[in-house]
């Protein structure tokens, strides 16, 4: 990836700055989580990192991402790079191009890193389809029945490239179904896409979340998602650890969506 363009101090933040920041933030945030991902026991976390978690920690032996180096991407970041490269090469989001790259990248025996449940099941669905009918064209919309964070970790590139496209939510649904053919995941990803649009315009997070809740309410596709985001707003003043423990630390979006939606 090219180095981000620097901006002179004191200049107003433009929408172009925010678009670039969304993509870079996606990858930086992923790399910062590499060494501590899925360590839910806070006492264990304290023992392994007695100086505190500062980001870009080295995965220790026995960790999911050992022996990757500090600053590397997780499997989520690798998937995000596949999507970014597909959009950059094709000049637009093409679900078949992205999906073929995704399947080729994460093939067992080729990909050396950890592979999450959604990716494993997606690869299995694809392999079964090819075995049963090798001449048929797979539509890449039959991913895993998974309600976790896979698509959220790579969504920024898609929304940045299509933030003025009136069909953005259809593109988001198609991109989600590649590895998460699940209604909760689809609703949460649409909410996240709309939230990114609000943030690109410079809105503060609480106001942006409220506006998206109203839009989603009118669209009618995610009442349960709105309840989770409302809970996140109500926990706005809670200390981050306390709020996250209350919502739940695990990956299913029932827990991770409100944890990520609250204002840090």
Protein backbone atom coordinates (compact mmCIF):
# COMPACT_ATOMS: atom_id res chain seq x y z
CA UNK A 1 0.00 0.00 0.00
CA UNK A 2 1.25 3.53 -0.73
CA UNK A 3 2.14 5.82 2.14
CA UNK A 4 -0.74 8.09 3.25
CA UNK A 5 -0.50 11.67 2.08
CA UNK A 6 0.50 14.11 4.79
CA UNK A 7 -1.66 17.14 5.53
CA UNK A 8 -0.36 20.47 6.74
CA UNK A 9 -1.20 21.16 10.40
CA UNK A 10 -4.02 23.62 10.93
CA UNK A 11 -5.83 22.94 7.67
CA UNK A 12 -9.48 21.86 7.94
CA UNK A 13 -10.17 18.15 7.65
CA UNK A 14 -11.74 17.39 4.27
CA UNK A 15 -13.94 14.51 3.21
CA UNK A 16 -10.97 13.21 1.21
CA UNK A 17 -8.96 13.12 4.45
CA UNK A 18 -11.72 11.11 6.10
CA UNK A 19 -11.97 8.69 3.19
CA UNK A 20 -8.25 8.01 3.31
CA UNK A 21 -8.38 7.83 7.09
CA UNK A 22 -11.13 5.19 7.00
CA UNK A 23 -9.04 2.87 4.83
CA UNK A 24 -5.79 3.42 6.70
CA UNK A 25 -7.57 3.19 10.03
CA UNK A 26 -9.05 -0.15 9.04
CA UNK A 27 -5.59 -1.65 8.47
CA UNK A 28 -3.84 0.09 11.36
CA UNK A 29 -6.57 -0.98 13.77
CA UNK A 30 -6.34 -4.55 12.56
CA UNK A 31 -2.55 -4.65 12.98
CA UNK A 32 -2.83 -3.07 16.43
CA UNK A 33 -5.08 -5.96 17.53
CA UNK A 34 -2.78 -8.71 16.24
CA UNK A 35 -1.05 -9.71 19.47
CA UNK A 36 -4.05 -9.43 21.81
CA UNK A 37 -6.90 -10.70 19.64
CA UNK A 38 -9.31 -13.01 21.49
CA UNK A 39 -7.61 -12.78 24.87
CA UNK A 40 -10.83 -12.26 26.82
CA UNK A 41 -9.50 -12.91 30.32
CA UNK A 42 -8.36 -9.49 31.56
CA UNK A 43 -6.18 -11.04 34.24
CA UNK A 44 -4.42 -13.12 31.60
CA UNK A 45 -4.05 -10.04 29.44
CA UNK A 46 -2.40 -8.22 32.34
CA UNK A 47 0.00 -11.07 32.97
CA UNK A 48 1.04 -11.32 29.33
CA UNK A 49 1.35 -7.55 28.88
CA UNK A 50 2.30 -6.16 32.31
CA UNK A 51 3.20 -2.80 30.80
CA UNK A 52 -0.28 -2.47 29.28
CA UNK A 53 -1.60 -2.90 25.76
CA UNK A 54 -0.23 -0.17 23.53
CA UNK A 55 -0.89 -1.68 20.11
CA UNK A 56 1.33 -3.66 17.72
CA UNK A 57 2.12 -6.27 20.35
CA UNK A 58 4.00 -9.38 19.28
CA UNK A 59 1.78 -12.50 19.26
CA UNK A 60 3.18 -14.87 21.87
CA UNK A 61 3.65 -18.61 21.43
CA UNK A 62 0.32 -20.40 21.57
CA UNK A 63 -1.60 -17.35 20.28
CA UNK A 64 -3.82 -17.69 17.20
CA UNK A 65 -1.51 -15.49 15.14
CA UNK A 66 1.88 -16.76 16.33
CA UNK A 67 4.49 -16.44 14.77
CA UNK A 68 3.39 -13.31 12.92
CA UNK A 69 5.39 -10.21 13.69
CA UNK A 70 4.23 -7.04 15.43
CA UNK A 71 2.65 -4.78 12.82
CA UNK A 72 1.45 -7.64 10.59
CA UNK A 73 -2.20 -8.02 9.68
CA UNK A 74 -4.57 -10.58 11.18
CA UNK A 75 -6.61 -12.82 8.88
CA UNK A 76 -9.26 -10.08 8.97
CA UNK A 77 -6.75 -7.56 7.64
CA UNK A 78 -5.64 -10.00 4.97
CA UNK A 79 -9.25 -10.30 3.82
CA UNK A 80 -9.58 -6.52 3.81
CA UNK A 81 -6.53 -6.25 1.57
CA UNK A 82 -8.06 -8.76 -0.86
CA UNK A 83 -11.13 -6.53 -1.19
CA UNK A 84 -9.11 -3.33 -1.53
CA UNK A 85 -6.91 -4.83 -4.24
CA UNK A 86 -9.93 -6.16 -6.13
CA UNK A 87 -11.60 -2.73 -6.13
CA UNK A 88 -8.34 -1.01 -7.11
CA UNK A 89 -7.61 -3.41 -9.96
CA UNK A 90 -11.15 -3.50 -11.37
CA UNK A 91 -12.00 0.15 -10.72
CA UNK A 92 -15.22 -0.90 -8.99
CA UNK A 93 -16.60 -3.58 -6.71
CA UNK A 94 -17.22 -6.80 -8.61
CA UNK A 95 -18.48 -9.54 -6.35
CA UNK A 96 -17.16 -12.37 -8.53
CA UNK A 97 -13.68 -10.90 -8.81
CA UNK A 98 -13.45 -10.26 -5.08
CA UNK A 99 -14.87 -13.69 -4.26
CA UNK A 100 -12.48 -15.57 -6.52
CA UNK A 101 -9.54 -13.72 -4.99
CA UNK A 102 -10.91 -14.43 -1.51
CA UNK A 103 -11.26 -18.16 -2.18
CA UNK A 104 -7.82 -18.37 -3.78
CA UNK A 105 -6.15 -16.44 -0.94
CA UNK A 106 -7.54 -18.51 1.92
CA UNK A 107 -7.25 -21.98 0.42
CA UNK A 108 -5.92 -24.48 3.01
CA UNK A 109 -2.32 -25.25 2.23
CA UNK A 110 -1.87 -21.88 0.56
CA UNK A 111 -2.82 -19.51 3.37
CA UNK A 112 -0.52 -19.97 6.34
CA UNK A 113 -2.39 -17.90 8.91
CA UNK A 114 -5.40 -18.54 11.11
CA UNK A 115 -8.69 -19.01 9.25
CA UNK A 116 -11.93 -18.03 11.00
CA UNK A 117 -15.20 -19.98 10.95
CA UNK A 118 -16.91 -17.83 8.32
CA UNK A 119 -14.04 -18.28 5.88
CA UNK A 120 -13.77 -22.03 6.52
CA UNK A 121 -17.48 -22.61 5.92
CA UNK A 122 -17.45 -20.38 2.84
CA UNK A 123 -14.59 -22.39 1.35
CA UNK A 124 -16.43 -25.62 2.16
CA UNK A 125 -19.61 -24.37 0.49
CA UNK A 126 -17.63 -23.40 -2.58
CA UNK A 127 -15.78 -26.72 -2.76
CA UNK A 128 -18.99 -28.75 -2.41
CA UNK A 129 -20.65 -26.74 -5.17
CA UNK A 130 -17.71 -27.24 -7.54
CA UNK A 131 -17.56 -30.97 -6.79
CA UNK A 132 -21.27 -31.44 -7.44
CA UNK A 133 -21.41 -29.38 -10.61
CA UNK A 134 -17.97 -28.30 -11.86
CA UNK A 135 -19.40 -26.63 -14.97
CA UNK A 136 -21.85 -24.40 -13.09
CA UNK A 137 -20.85 -20.87 -12.18
CA UNK A 138 -20.86 -20.29 -8.44
CA UNK A 139 -22.67 -17.08 -7.51
CA UNK A 140 -20.59 -16.39 -4.38
CA UNK A 141 -23.67 -15.37 -2.41
CA UNK A 142 -23.87 -18.52 -0.31
CA UNK A 143 -21.29 -17.84 2.35
CA UNK A 144 -21.34 -19.16 5.90
CA UNK A 145 -24.34 -18.70 8.16
CA UNK A 146 -22.15 -16.52 10.36
CA UNK A 147 -23.02 -13.46 12.44
CA UNK A 148 -19.56 -12.29 13.47
CA UNK A 149 -17.10 -9.58 12.40
CA UNK A 150 -15.57 -10.77 9.13
CA UNK A 151 -17.19 -8.29 6.75
CA UNK A 152 -17.03 -5.40 9.24
CA UNK A 153 -13.24 -5.67 9.22
CA UNK A 154 -13.04 -4.98 5.47
CA UNK A 155 -16.07 -2.77 4.88
CA UNK A 156 -14.29 0.59 4.73
CA UNK A 157 -12.79 0.15 1.26
CA UNK A 158 -16.16 -0.72 -0.25
CA UNK A 159 -17.95 2.22 1.36
CA UNK A 160 -15.17 4.68 0.52
CA UNK A 161 -15.22 3.72 -3.15
CA UNK A 162 -19.02 3.80 -3.37
CA UNK A 163 -19.97 6.45 -0.84
CA UNK A 164 -21.92 8.43 -3.44
CA UNK A 165 -23.50 5.38 -5.08
CA UNK A 166 -27.29 5.17 -4.47
CA UNK A 167 -26.95 1.38 -4.63
CA UNK A 168 -24.38 1.27 -1.83
CA UNK A 169 -26.52 -0.85 0.51
CA UNK A 170 -27.10 -3.44 -2.22
CA UNK A 171 -23.35 -3.62 -2.75
CA UNK A 172 -22.83 -4.00 0.99
CA UNK A 173 -25.33 -6.85 1.13
CA UNK A 174 -23.66 -8.59 -1.80
CA UNK A 175 -20.20 -8.20 -0.26
CA UNK A 176 -21.49 -9.53 3.07
CA UNK A 177 -23.11 -12.61 1.57
CA UNK A 178 -19.77 -13.69 0.09
CA UNK A 179 -18.71 -15.10 3.46
CA UNK A 180 -21.65 -14.26 5.75
CA UNK A 181 -25.01 -15.24 4.34
CA UNK A 182 -26.73 -14.25 7.55
CA UNK A 183 -29.52 -11.68 8.12
CA UNK A 184 -28.01 -10.25 11.31
CA UNK A 185 -24.64 -9.75 9.64
CA UNK A 186 -26.26 -8.11 6.60
CA UNK A 187 -28.31 -5.71 8.74
CA UNK A 188 -25.29 -4.76 10.87
CA UNK A 189 -23.09 -4.18 7.83
CA UNK A 190 -25.71 -1.92 6.26
CA UNK A 191 -25.91 0.03 9.50
CA UNK A 192 -22.13 0.31 9.60
CA UNK A 193 -22.03 1.51 6.00
CA UNK A 194 -24.57 4.24 6.71
CA UNK A 195 -22.65 5.22 9.83
CA UNK A 196 -19.47 5.60 7.79
CA UNK A 197 -21.31 7.91 5.40
CA UNK A 198 -22.32 10.14 8.30
CA UNK A 199 -18.79 10.19 9.66
CA UNK A 200 -17.36 11.04 6.24
CA UNK A 201 -19.50 14.18 6.38
CA UNK A 202 -17.86 15.16 9.65
CA UNK A 203 -20.60 14.33 12.15
CA UNK A 204 -19.70 13.45 15.71
CA UNK A 205 -20.24 9.78 16.56
CA UNK A 206 -23.32 10.12 18.86
CA UNK A 207 -25.19 12.32 16.37
CA UNK A 208 -24.18 10.07 13.48
CA UNK A 209 -25.45 6.96 15.29
CA UNK A 210 -28.79 8.64 16.10
CA UNK A 211 -29.24 9.72 12.48
CA UNK A 212 -28.52 6.23 11.20
CA UNK A 213 -30.97 4.75 13.67
CA UNK A 214 -33.65 7.03 12.22
CA UNK A 215 -32.75 6.10 8.65
CA UNK A 216 -32.70 2.39 9.42
CA UNK A 217 -36.04 2.73 11.22
CA UNK A 218 -37.57 4.25 8.09
CA UNK A 219 -36.01 1.59 5.88
CA UNK A 220 -37.24 -1.14 8.21
CA UNK A 221 -34.39 -3.61 7.78
CA UNK A 222 -32.84 -3.69 11.24
CA UNK A 223 -35.01 -3.02 14.32
CA UNK A 224 -32.84 -5.28 16.48
CA UNK A 225 -29.71 -3.56 15.22
CA UNK A 226 -31.17 -0.19 16.23
CA UNK A 227 -31.86 -1.51 19.73
CA UNK A 228 -28.22 -2.50 20.04
CA UNK A 229 -27.01 0.89 18.83
CA UNK A 230 -29.35 2.65 21.25
CA UNK A 231 -27.89 0.58 24.07
CA UNK A 232 -24.43 1.64 22.92
CA UNK A 233 -25.41 5.32 23.00
CA UNK A 234 -26.88 4.95 26.47
CA UNK A 235 -23.54 3.53 27.61
CA UNK A 236 -21.69 6.50 26.13
CA UNK A 237 -20.42 7.74 29.49
CA UNK A 238 -19.46 4.29 30.78
CA UNK A 239 -15.79 3.40 31.05
CA UNK A 240 -14.82 1.30 28.01
CA UNK A 241 -13.93 -1.90 29.87
CA UNK A 242 -17.10 -1.80 31.96
CA UNK A 243 -19.29 -1.17 28.91
CA UNK A 244 -17.65 -3.90 26.84
CA UNK A 245 -17.99 -6.44 29.64
CA UNK A 246 -21.68 -5.55 29.89
CA UNK A 247 -22.28 -5.96 26.15
CA UNK A 248 -20.11 -9.06 25.90
CA UNK A 249 -16.59 -9.57 24.61
CA UNK A 250 -17.20 -12.30 22.06
CA UNK A 251 -17.32 -11.94 18.28
CA UNK A 252 -21.03 -12.53 17.53
CA UNK A 253 -22.53 -9.21 16.48
CA UNK A 254 -25.06 -9.35 19.30
CA UNK A 255 -22.10 -8.46 21.52
CA UNK A 256 -19.44 -6.95 19.27
CA UNK A 257 -21.75 -4.56 17.38
CA UNK A 258 -22.79 -2.44 20.40
CA UNK A 259 -19.26 -2.62 21.80
CA UNK A 260 -17.90 -1.13 18.58
CA UNK A 261 -20.77 1.35 18.18
CA UNK A 262 -20.38 3.13 21.49
CA UNK A 263 -18.31 6.30 21.73
CA UNK A 264 -14.78 5.61 23.00
